[in-house]
Each structure stands twice: as C-alpha cells, then as structure tokens.
Amino acid sequence: MLHLLKWLYPGMRLKRWLLLFALGVLMISLGLALVFNYKYLDLIEEQIFRLVYLSTGGYNYMITTLSGVAVVVLGLALMMFATRQIIRSIIVVLMPGTSDRLVDLIYEKRKLGRGPAVTVIGGGHGLSVLLRGIKSSTSNVSAVVTVADDGGSSGRLREELGIIPPGDLRNCLVALADTEPLMEKLFQYRFEGKTALAGHSFGNLFIAAMNEVTGDMETALQESSKVLAVKGRVLPASKEHVRLDAIMEDGTVVEGESQIPEAHKKIRRVRLYPKRVPAVPSALEAIETADAIILGPGSLYTSIMPNLLVEGVAHALRNSKAIKIYICNVMTQPGETDGYTASMHAKAILDHAGKGAIDYVLVNSAEIPEEMCRELGAQAVVIDEDKINALGMGLIKTDLISENDAGRHDPDKLCAAVMKIIYEMQPQTHG
C-alpha cells in the first residue's frame, strides 16, 4: 500500500489523470443508475444499511458515514492499482526489466526534468567526471565538447575517416548514460593485440559508424544517445576539422593538441587552425538559453580553450545571462600549467574568451597529500583569493576531491557544490 502511495508524490503528473479517471467512473455509475432507474443502487444501499443495523443493534450515522468513506477509499485504491497495472503492461513491452521500479523511474524523470538548464564546456576526463555527478540533479544538461583532440584512437579515426575526433564525445555520452554497467564497459572497451583495431575503443568505432550511417556527427550523437539512454545531450563545439596550436612564451609555436604538453614550455596563448571555425548552432543555442554555464574541470589549454576559440562561442558566453562557473583543476598539469595558481587559470580563460566569461571560480579546499604531488610531478593549485577577486570574480572554496584519488574531483561533491551555487546565487531563475 505504501508503494502505491508513491504515485501521489508531487510532480508525478498522475493525480490529475487519476481524478479524471475517477470522474469518468462516477459518470458511468450515474449513467447506469439512470438507465436502471436506481433499482440496483437502492438495493446496494439497502443492504449496507441493513448490515449496519444488524451489527450495531440500530441505526448509527457515524458507522454509516465511515462505511461510505471505506467504500470511497477502496474504490480509489482499485483505480490506482488498475492504472499502475495498465502502465506497467505497456512499460514491460517498451522497457523490459524496469517494471519493478516503475514509480521510481517516473518520479526520477519528472524530478530531473524540472532541474536547471546547465551547459558544460570542456573535454577530457575532467568533463566526464562533472557529468557523472550533474546528471543526478538535472536532465537538462548540454555538454559542448572540444574537437581538437589529435592523439590515440581519436586521432587515428580523424586521419583515416576524416571525422571529428570521437573520444571526448564518447566519454561524455557514457558519463551521461543511464545504462546497464555492461553497456558502459562495452563502449569503453579498447581492443588489444597487434591488429588494425588495436588501441581503438568500441565506442569510438560505434560513433564513427553511426556518423557514416547518418552522414552527420550531430545526428550520430543523437542516435547514440538513444542507445545509451543519455540524460541530456552531447554536442561538438564544431563539425569542422581543426588543429590546436600553442604560442609559447619564447615565441615558438607547437602544432597539435597532443604535442603541446610534451613541449614543457610556458604557454602564452593557444589558437585554432584554421582561425575561423563555425560553431554548431545547437551548441550556441545551449549556451544562450542556459541557466548556468560551467567551464571545466579539465586541461586548461587543451580541453577548455579549444571550445572558446570556435567562432561565436566566446561571444555567446560573455553575453549569456546565465551564471558562469569555472571549476579549477585540483592540481597543476605537467607541461601545461606548471606553477599556475587559481587566478592564473582564470586569467588565461579571460585572455582567450574576454571579460565577463566567468562569474565564480570553484576551487578545492581539501589538502592534497605531498606524496601524491611528488608521484604525479605536479602541485596542488594555490588559491590566491585576492587576485581572483581583483579579476572581478567570486571565489568559492569547498572539499571537492575524491576519497579514492585525491588528485581528481569527486562527481557527487562536484555536483553538490555546483548546484548550491546555481540555486543560491541565482534563485530567481529556479523558483
């Protein structure tokens, strides 16, 4: 009985139809009473009064009233049970194996559907960590993902098939997916050995094949999302082939995203080749209509910046009325951000995207073990609050690190911190 009451939870959008169902039953009952001239209705009423009279030794108004209430409650319970069984019968055909937790699935979907519209911009492992957490609070998520990756399986498919690199797109799809663990393992499976498939992940090959079938990468991602039951959508920043170059402090130029960290030089700025690359319209629309825009976490110059250099993205970001949050990395990245403080990360984004690209900087305040820093050849990012405030940004410090890997963010902690900022700093949007 308690499980049935879950159907009455707020936001389920079922109570109105149950009420309409009850009205229909009432009208049928009234119609039948009119057809049979109240004959059978009078008979039932007479039997109820007789039962009350015999059980109490006389007419008792209270017991008669309670009997009527009991009949109403029983009727409602039967209606709810029948409605549940009808829906369950349909769901068993459409979604086998989920009927036992049907009410929880409906409630979760309704709840997530009312969540804020969040657009995340970036790539790499850091972005997928954020997405794993954020999907538990809202299904209105759009991930705008870099297409500058030129290494590994993605780089090979890019050169051999002439498609935009699918690796970061695959990671985001899997992170937002609501699938069985086996499906996730399948998409992340990487072939081994010495064959032509060695090094390729199944997910990359699947997306590449879907691109060939549909003729368009954006459509391919939409269809792949259906397979994985993705909560939200994954969008490439651009469909054009680009190369990420870095101009170093000594004036030298390093070509290719995978080569930039290998140079081990201080980066002045990065650029795309060709310089003018059109953005995917739906990616711009996701930025313009978002309640919150999140940059990172992820490699500063090779995961976040390539998106901001796509034509129209930085402009849309600056002009968006959404709250804009930059999630600073927990640790510096060898060969890319050696010695960078939190303000240096934020300033680099402003240098590429312009003033107004960030409202708040979210940083980790928990301590990173020294031995881990030595092992990774990196340092915990220093929080220089005064310099961040001087850039015109707010600073929010909280524990964000994973208990299993102190050098990385924890998805749940990250989600909790981000949603707190969204609801507390811009409550009028989600009231």
Protein backbone atom coordinates (compact mmCIF):
# COMPACT_ATOMS: atom_id res chain seq x y z
CA MET A 1 0.00 0.00 0.00
CA LEU A 2 2.87 2.39 0.84
CA HIS A 3 4.41 1.71 -2.55
CA LEU A 4 1.13 2.65 -4.23
CA LEU A 5 1.13 5.99 -2.38
CA LYS A 6 4.31 6.94 -4.28
CA TRP A 7 2.08 7.53 -7.29
CA LEU A 8 0.70 10.56 -5.39
CA TYR A 9 4.12 12.22 -4.97
CA PRO A 10 4.26 15.88 -6.12
CA GLY A 11 5.37 16.34 -9.72
CA MET A 12 4.37 12.87 -10.95
CA ARG A 13 1.64 14.36 -13.22
CA LEU A 14 -0.59 11.40 -12.47
CA LYS A 15 -3.01 12.79 -9.86
CA ARG A 16 -4.84 14.91 -12.45
CA TRP A 17 -5.42 11.84 -14.62
CA LEU A 18 -6.49 9.75 -11.65
CA LEU A 19 -9.01 12.49 -10.83
CA LEU A 20 -10.23 12.48 -14.42
CA PHE A 21 -10.42 8.68 -14.26
CA ALA A 22 -12.48 8.93 -11.06
CA LEU A 23 -14.79 11.47 -12.70
CA GLY A 24 -15.30 9.06 -15.58
CA VAL A 25 -16.13 6.22 -13.19
CA LEU A 26 -18.57 8.50 -11.36
CA MET A 27 -20.29 9.49 -14.59
CA ILE A 28 -20.55 5.83 -15.65
CA SER A 29 -22.05 4.97 -12.26
CA LEU A 30 -24.54 7.83 -12.53
CA GLY A 31 -25.42 6.84 -16.08
CA LEU A 32 -26.02 3.21 -15.10
CA ALA A 33 -28.17 4.35 -12.16
CA LEU A 34 -30.29 6.41 -14.54
CA VAL A 35 -30.54 3.56 -17.03
CA PHE A 36 -31.67 1.09 -14.38
CA ASN A 37 -33.87 3.65 -12.60
CA TYR A 38 -31.86 3.46 -9.35
CA LYS A 39 -33.09 -0.12 -8.86
CA TYR A 40 -29.74 -1.72 -8.19
CA LEU A 41 -28.28 1.33 -6.43
CA ASP A 42 -31.18 1.28 -3.97
CA LEU A 43 -30.64 -2.42 -3.42
CA ILE A 44 -26.95 -1.95 -2.55
CA GLU A 45 -27.77 0.97 -0.26
CA GLU A 46 -30.46 -1.07 1.48
CA GLN A 47 -28.08 -3.96 2.10
CA ILE A 48 -25.44 -1.65 3.59
CA PHE A 49 -27.95 -0.06 5.97
CA ARG A 50 -29.26 -3.49 6.96
CA LEU A 51 -25.67 -4.70 7.68
CA VAL A 52 -25.02 -1.62 9.83
CA TYR A 53 -28.31 -2.09 11.67
CA LEU A 54 -27.65 -5.77 12.45
CA SER A 55 -24.05 -5.21 13.56
CA THR A 56 -24.81 -2.25 15.85
CA GLY A 57 -28.33 -3.06 17.01
CA GLY A 58 -29.72 0.10 15.50
CA TYR A 59 -29.07 2.91 13.04
CA ASN A 60 -25.67 4.56 13.61
CA TYR A 61 -24.95 7.62 11.47
CA MET A 62 -21.19 7.59 12.24
CA ILE A 63 -20.73 3.96 11.20
CA THR A 64 -22.73 4.55 8.05
CA THR A 65 -20.51 7.53 7.19
CA LEU A 66 -17.34 5.53 7.87
CA SER A 67 -18.68 2.74 5.68
CA GLY A 68 -19.14 5.24 2.86
CA VAL A 69 -15.59 6.55 3.35
CA ALA A 70 -14.25 2.98 3.31
CA VAL A 71 -16.04 2.32 0.01
CA VAL A 72 -14.53 5.52 -1.47
CA VAL A 73 -11.01 4.59 -0.28
CA LEU A 74 -11.37 1.07 -1.65
CA GLY A 75 -12.52 2.49 -4.96
CA LEU A 76 -9.56 4.86 -5.15
CA ALA A 77 -7.14 2.04 -4.31
CA LEU A 78 -8.63 -0.13 -7.05
CA MET A 79 -8.33 2.75 -9.53
CA MET A 80 -4.69 3.38 -8.62
CA PHE A 81 -3.88 -0.31 -8.82
CA ALA A 82 -5.60 -0.66 -12.18
CA THR A 83 -3.83 2.44 -13.54
CA ARG A 84 -0.49 1.12 -12.32
CA GLN A 85 -1.07 -2.26 -13.96
CA ILE A 86 -2.07 -0.65 -17.26
CA ILE A 87 1.11 1.47 -17.31
CA ARG A 88 3.18 -1.49 -16.18
CA SER A 89 1.84 -3.64 -19.01
CA ILE A 90 2.93 -1.02 -21.53
CA ILE A 91 6.34 -0.45 -19.89
CA VAL A 92 7.09 -4.20 -19.82
CA VAL A 93 6.89 -4.17 -23.63
CA LEU A 94 8.75 -0.89 -24.18
CA MET A 95 11.35 -1.17 -21.37
CA PRO A 96 11.76 -4.80 -20.25
CA GLY A 97 13.23 -5.30 -16.79
CA THR A 98 12.21 -1.92 -15.35
CA SER A 99 8.61 -2.56 -14.30
CA ASP A 100 9.53 -3.37 -10.69
CA ARG A 101 10.81 0.16 -10.13
CA LEU A 102 8.39 1.92 -12.47
CA VAL A 103 7.15 4.52 -9.99
CA ASP A 104 10.74 5.41 -9.01
CA LEU A 105 11.73 5.80 -12.66
CA ILE A 106 8.79 8.10 -13.39
CA TYR A 107 9.41 10.17 -10.26
CA GLU A 108 13.12 10.49 -11.04
CA LYS A 109 12.47 11.53 -14.64
CA ARG A 110 9.91 14.15 -13.59
CA LYS A 111 12.22 15.49 -10.89
CA LEU A 112 15.26 15.69 -13.18
CA GLY A 113 13.17 17.26 -15.93
CA ARG A 114 12.42 20.21 -13.64
CA GLY A 115 16.12 20.80 -12.94
CA PRO A 116 18.02 23.86 -14.19
CA ALA A 117 19.35 24.03 -17.74
CA VAL A 118 23.09 23.51 -17.38
CA THR A 119 25.60 23.80 -20.22
CA VAL A 120 29.10 22.46 -19.59
CA ILE A 121 32.04 23.35 -21.81
CA GLY A 122 35.27 21.38 -22.00
CA GLY A 123 36.57 17.92 -22.72
CA GLY A 124 38.75 15.13 -21.43
CA HIS A 125 38.40 13.14 -18.24
CA GLY A 126 37.51 16.16 -16.09
CA LEU A 127 34.34 16.95 -18.01
CA SER A 128 33.07 13.37 -17.80
CA VAL A 129 33.60 13.43 -14.02
CA LEU A 130 31.37 16.50 -13.72
CA LEU A 131 28.71 14.99 -15.97
CA ARG A 132 28.56 11.79 -13.90
CA GLY A 133 27.60 13.89 -10.92
CA ILE A 134 25.39 16.54 -12.50
CA LYS A 135 23.05 14.00 -14.17
CA SER A 136 21.73 13.08 -10.70
CA SER A 137 20.32 16.61 -10.26
CA THR A 138 19.06 17.59 -13.70
CA SER A 139 18.47 16.01 -17.09
CA ASN A 140 18.59 19.41 -18.79
CA VAL A 141 22.31 19.08 -19.46
CA SER A 142 24.15 20.05 -22.63
CA ALA A 143 27.84 19.18 -22.98
CA VAL A 144 29.72 21.29 -25.52
CA VAL A 145 32.84 19.24 -26.27
CA THR A 146 36.18 20.04 -27.84
CA VAL A 147 37.03 18.62 -31.28
CA ALA A 148 40.76 19.42 -31.22
CA ASP A 149 41.93 16.02 -29.94
CA ASP A 150 44.53 14.52 -32.30
CA GLY A 151 46.02 11.68 -30.26
CA GLY A 152 45.30 7.97 -29.73
CA SER A 153 42.28 6.26 -31.24
CA SER A 154 40.51 9.59 -31.89
CA GLY A 155 43.48 10.94 -33.82
CA ARG A 156 43.71 7.80 -35.96
CA LEU A 157 39.99 7.84 -36.83
CA ARG A 158 40.23 11.54 -37.56
CA GLU A 159 43.03 10.95 -40.08
CA GLU A 160 41.69 7.71 -41.60
CA LEU A 161 37.98 8.54 -41.84
CA GLY A 162 38.04 12.32 -41.97
CA ILE A 163 35.70 12.73 -38.99
CA ILE A 164 35.95 14.96 -35.94
CA PRO A 165 37.63 13.09 -33.05
CA PRO A 166 35.04 10.98 -31.20
CA GLY A 167 36.96 10.20 -27.97
CA ASP A 168 35.83 13.07 -25.74
CA LEU A 169 32.33 12.85 -27.20
CA ARG A 170 32.22 9.15 -26.29
CA ASN A 171 33.36 9.81 -22.72
CA CYS A 172 30.61 12.39 -22.27
CA LEU A 173 27.94 10.07 -23.69
CA VAL A 174 28.97 7.31 -21.30
CA ALA A 175 29.12 9.75 -18.36
CA LEU A 176 25.54 10.93 -19.02
CA ALA A 177 24.22 7.47 -19.81
CA ASP A 178 21.61 5.65 -17.75
CA THR A 179 22.52 2.17 -18.90
CA GLU A 180 23.47 -1.20 -17.54
CA PRO A 181 27.15 -1.49 -16.47
CA LEU A 182 27.78 -3.95 -19.31
CA MET A 183 26.84 -1.34 -21.92
CA GLU A 184 29.21 1.17 -20.35
CA LYS A 185 32.02 -1.40 -20.35
CA LEU A 186 31.28 -2.16 -23.99
CA PHE A 187 31.55 1.47 -25.10
CA GLN A 188 34.76 1.96 -23.12
CA TYR A 189 36.31 -1.35 -24.21
CA ARG A 190 39.63 -0.89 -26.01
CA PHE A 191 40.90 -3.54 -28.41
CA GLU A 192 44.30 -5.03 -27.68
CA GLY A 193 46.85 -7.02 -29.65
CA LYS A 194 48.61 -6.15 -32.89
CA THR A 195 45.68 -5.97 -35.29
CA ALA A 196 44.43 -2.87 -37.08
CA LEU A 197 41.83 -2.48 -34.32
CA ALA A 198 44.44 -2.36 -31.55
CA GLY A 199 44.12 0.82 -29.47
CA HIS A 200 40.64 1.67 -30.74
CA SER A 201 37.74 1.77 -28.28
CA PHE A 202 34.46 0.18 -29.30
CA GLY A 203 32.63 3.43 -28.51
CA ASN A 204 34.81 5.41 -30.93
CA LEU A 205 34.16 2.87 -33.68
CA PHE A 206 30.42 2.88 -32.91
CA ILE A 207 30.21 6.68 -33.18
CA ALA A 208 32.32 6.64 -36.36
CA ALA A 209 29.99 4.02 -37.88
CA MET A 210 26.91 5.97 -36.80
CA ASN A 211 28.40 9.06 -38.44
CA GLU A 212 28.81 7.11 -41.69
CA VAL A 213 25.21 5.84 -41.49
CA THR A 214 23.58 9.19 -40.68
CA GLY A 215 26.00 11.36 -42.63
CA ASP A 216 26.29 13.90 -39.80
CA MET A 217 28.14 13.77 -36.48
CA GLU A 218 25.49 15.72 -34.55
CA THR A 219 22.80 13.29 -35.71
CA ALA A 220 25.13 10.39 -34.95
CA LEU A 221 25.47 11.60 -31.36
CA GLN A 222 21.69 11.98 -31.03
CA GLU A 223 21.14 8.40 -32.20
CA SER A 224 23.95 7.10 -30.00
CA SER A 225 22.32 8.87 -27.06
CA LYS A 226 19.18 6.79 -27.59
CA VAL A 227 21.20 3.58 -27.37
CA LEU A 228 22.78 4.65 -24.08
CA ALA A 229 19.65 6.35 -22.65
CA VAL A 230 21.60 9.57 -22.15
CA LYS A 231 20.25 12.15 -19.69
CA GLY A 232 20.89 15.32 -21.64
CA ARG A 233 22.75 15.85 -24.90
CA VAL A 234 26.32 15.87 -26.14
CA LEU A 235 27.29 18.44 -28.77
CA PRO A 236 30.56 19.02 -30.63
CA ALA A 237 31.70 22.64 -30.46
CA SER A 238 32.20 22.50 -34.24
CA LYS A 239 31.92 19.97 -37.03
CA GLU A 240 34.99 21.31 -38.80
CA HIS A 241 38.45 19.77 -38.70
CA VAL A 242 40.71 21.92 -36.57
CA ARG A 243 44.24 21.85 -35.22
CA LEU A 244 45.16 23.39 -31.89
CA ASP A 245 48.44 25.32 -31.85
CA ALA A 246 50.20 26.89 -28.87
CA ILE A 247 52.33 30.03 -28.93
CA MET A 248 54.93 29.73 -26.19
CA GLU A 249 56.46 32.50 -24.11
CA ASP A 250 59.72 32.15 -26.05
CA GLY A 251 57.86 32.76 -29.33
CA THR A 252 57.97 29.20 -30.63
CA VAL A 253 54.82 27.54 -31.96
CA VAL A 254 53.82 23.98 -31.14
CA GLU A 255 51.31 22.40 -33.54
CA GLY A 256 48.81 19.78 -32.42
CA GLU A 257 46.89 19.30 -29.18
CA SER A 258 48.79 16.18 -28.14
CA GLN A 259 52.17 17.86 -28.69
CA ILE A 260 51.55 20.93 -26.53
CA PRO A 261 52.14 19.34 -23.08
CA GLU A 262 55.17 17.50 -24.47
CA ALA A 263 56.98 20.77 -25.24
CA HIS A 264 57.29 21.57 -21.50
CA LYS A 265 57.31 25.30 -22.15
CA LYS A 266 55.20 28.08 -20.69
CA ILE A 267 52.18 28.79 -22.88
CA ARG A 268 51.35 32.37 -23.86
CA ARG A 269 48.14 31.52 -25.66
CA VAL A 270 46.58 28.93 -27.97
CA ARG A 271 44.88 29.27 -31.35
CA LEU A 272 42.93 27.18 -33.83
CA TYR A 273 43.92 26.42 -37.39
CA PRO A 274 42.04 27.38 -39.45
CA LYS A 275 41.36 30.50 -37.42
CA ARG A 276 37.67 30.98 -38.25
CA VAL A 277 35.77 27.81 -37.45
CA PRO A 278 31.94 27.95 -37.30
CA ALA A 279 30.23 26.62 -34.20
CA VAL A 280 27.44 24.06 -34.20
CA PRO A 281 24.23 26.16 -33.94
CA SER A 282 22.76 23.91 -31.22
CA ALA A 283 25.91 24.44 -29.14
CA LEU A 284 25.45 28.22 -29.30
CA GLU A 285 21.76 27.81 -28.50
CA ALA A 286 22.65 25.70 -25.45
CA ILE A 287 24.91 28.49 -24.18
CA GLU A 288 22.39 31.24 -24.87
CA THR A 289 19.47 29.51 -23.14
CA ALA A 290 21.31 28.01 -20.15
CA ASP A 291 20.56 28.84 -16.53
CA ALA A 292 24.17 28.01 -15.68
CA ILE A 293 27.33 27.59 -17.78
CA ILE A 294 30.22 25.59 -16.39
CA LEU A 295 33.76 25.66 -17.73
CA GLY A 296 35.86 22.64 -16.84
CA PRO A 297 37.20 20.88 -15.00
CA GLY A 298 39.84 19.63 -17.39
CA SER A 299 43.06 20.58 -19.12
CA LEU A 300 43.07 24.35 -19.28
CA TYR A 301 44.65 24.90 -22.70
CA THR A 302 43.88 21.62 -24.48
CA SER A 303 40.34 20.82 -23.27
CA ILE A 304 38.62 24.10 -22.34
CA MET A 305 40.28 26.68 -24.59
CA PRO A 306 39.61 24.99 -27.97
CA ASN A 307 35.86 25.41 -27.41
CA LEU A 308 36.23 29.11 -26.60
CA LEU A 309 38.18 29.70 -29.82
CA VAL A 310 35.38 28.37 -32.03
CA GLU A 311 33.64 31.30 -33.73
CA GLY A 312 30.70 32.61 -31.72
CA VAL A 313 31.25 30.57 -28.55
CA ALA A 314 33.14 33.21 -26.52
CA HIS A 315 30.68 35.90 -27.64
CA ALA A 316 27.70 33.77 -26.62
CA LEU A 317 29.37 33.02 -23.28
CA ARG A 318 30.07 36.67 -22.47
CA ASN A 319 26.56 37.78 -23.40
CA SER A 320 24.68 34.96 -21.70
CA LYS A 321 22.59 35.90 -18.66
CA ALA A 322 23.41 32.52 -17.11
CA ILE A 323 25.56 32.20 -14.01
CA LYS A 324 29.08 31.26 -15.21
CA ILE A 325 31.24 28.97 -13.12
CA TYR A 326 34.82 27.93 -13.74
CA ILE A 327 35.85 24.75 -11.93
CA CYS A 328 39.56 25.00 -11.33
CA ASN A 329 41.66 21.85 -11.50
CA VAL A 330 42.73 20.26 -8.23
CA MET A 331 46.36 20.04 -9.34
CA THR A 332 48.59 21.66 -11.93
CA GLN A 333 49.14 19.74 -15.15
CA PRO A 334 52.74 18.86 -16.05
CA GLY A 335 53.80 20.52 -19.28
CA GLU A 336 50.70 22.70 -19.46
CA THR A 337 50.03 24.63 -16.24
CA ASP A 338 53.18 24.11 -14.15
CA GLY A 339 53.24 26.64 -11.30
CA TYR A 340 49.78 28.02 -12.09
CA THR A 341 47.67 29.41 -9.27
CA ALA A 342 43.87 29.52 -9.34
CA SER A 343 43.87 33.14 -10.55
CA MET A 344 46.31 32.29 -13.35
CA HIS A 345 43.92 29.59 -14.59
CA ALA A 346 41.02 32.07 -14.55
CA LYS A 347 43.03 34.87 -16.18
CA ALA A 348 44.07 32.58 -19.03
CA ILE A 349 40.37 31.98 -19.79
CA LEU A 350 39.65 35.72 -19.74
CA ASP A 351 42.61 36.32 -22.07
CA HIS A 352 41.05 33.95 -24.61
CA ALA A 353 37.30 34.48 -24.05
CA GLY A 354 37.15 38.07 -22.83
CA LYS A 355 35.89 39.82 -19.71
CA GLY A 356 32.58 38.50 -18.43
CA ALA A 357 33.28 34.84 -19.21
CA ILE A 358 33.43 33.85 -15.51
CA ASP A 359 31.31 34.89 -12.51
CA TYR A 360 32.57 32.42 -9.92
CA VAL A 361 35.66 30.27 -9.53
CA LEU A 362 35.06 26.98 -7.71
CA VAL A 363 38.21 25.56 -6.09
CA ASN A 364 39.11 22.61 -3.92
CA SER A 365 39.98 23.48 -0.30
CA ALA A 366 40.88 19.97 0.89
CA GLU A 367 44.53 19.14 1.40
CA ILE A 368 46.38 17.07 -1.22
CA PRO A 369 48.96 14.60 0.16
CA GLU A 370 52.54 15.65 -0.61
CA GLU A 371 53.50 12.14 -1.67
CA MET A 372 50.80 12.21 -4.36
CA CYS A 373 52.15 15.51 -5.68
CA ARG A 374 55.65 14.04 -5.90
CA GLU A 375 54.34 10.89 -7.58
CA LEU A 376 52.45 12.87 -10.25
CA GLY A 377 55.12 15.54 -10.68
CA ALA A 378 52.52 18.23 -10.01
CA GLN A 379 51.43 20.60 -7.25
CA ALA A 380 48.14 21.39 -5.60
CA VAL A 381 46.73 24.55 -7.19
CA VAL A 382 47.38 27.50 -4.88
CA ILE A 383 44.26 29.54 -4.06
CA ASP A 384 45.13 33.25 -4.36
CA GLU A 385 41.80 34.75 -3.40
CA ASP A 386 42.79 38.42 -3.60
CA LYS A 387 43.93 38.10 -7.21
CA ILE A 388 40.76 36.22 -8.18
CA ASN A 389 38.63 38.96 -6.62
CA ALA A 390 40.74 41.55 -8.46
CA LEU A 391 39.69 39.90 -11.71
CA GLY A 392 36.05 40.62 -10.80
CA MET A 393 35.11 37.06 -9.86
CA GLY A 394 33.72 35.45 -6.74
CA LEU A 395 35.63 32.59 -5.13
CA ILE A 396 34.01 29.52 -3.61
CA LYS A 397 36.14 27.04 -1.67
CA THR A 398 35.00 23.57 -0.64
CA ASP A 399 36.17 19.96 -0.45
CA LEU A 400 35.95 18.57 -3.98
CA ILE A 401 38.46 15.73 -4.09
CA SER A 402 37.76 12.04 -4.44
CA GLU A 403 38.40 9.80 -1.46
CA ASN A 404 39.85 7.18 -3.78
CA ASP A 405 42.02 9.56 -5.81
CA ALA A 406 42.92 12.83 -4.10
CA GLY A 407 44.28 14.23 -7.35
CA ARG A 408 40.85 14.21 -9.01
CA HIS A 409 37.42 15.64 -8.38
CA ASP A 410 34.63 13.60 -6.83
CA PRO A 411 31.49 13.59 -9.06
CA ASP A 412 29.00 13.84 -6.18
CA LYS A 413 30.90 16.56 -4.30
CA LEU A 414 31.32 18.49 -7.53
CA CYS A 415 27.60 18.23 -8.34
CA ALA A 416 26.57 19.32 -4.83
CA ALA A 417 28.86 22.37 -4.95
CA VAL A 418 27.73 23.41 -8.44
CA MET A 419 24.01 23.03 -7.69
CA LYS A 420 24.43 25.00 -4.47
CA ILE A 421 25.96 27.88 -6.42
CA ILE A 422 23.21 27.74 -9.03
CA TYR A 423 20.35 27.78 -6.54
CA GLU A 424 21.85 30.21 -4.03
CA MET A 425 23.43 32.72 -6.39
CA GLN A 426 20.60 32.82 -8.92
CA PRO A 427 17.44 31.67 -7.09
CA GLN A 428 15.03 33.74 -9.16
CA THR A 429 15.68 31.55 -12.19
CA HIS A 430 14.62 28.36 -10.47
CA GLY A 431 11.95 29.48 -8.05
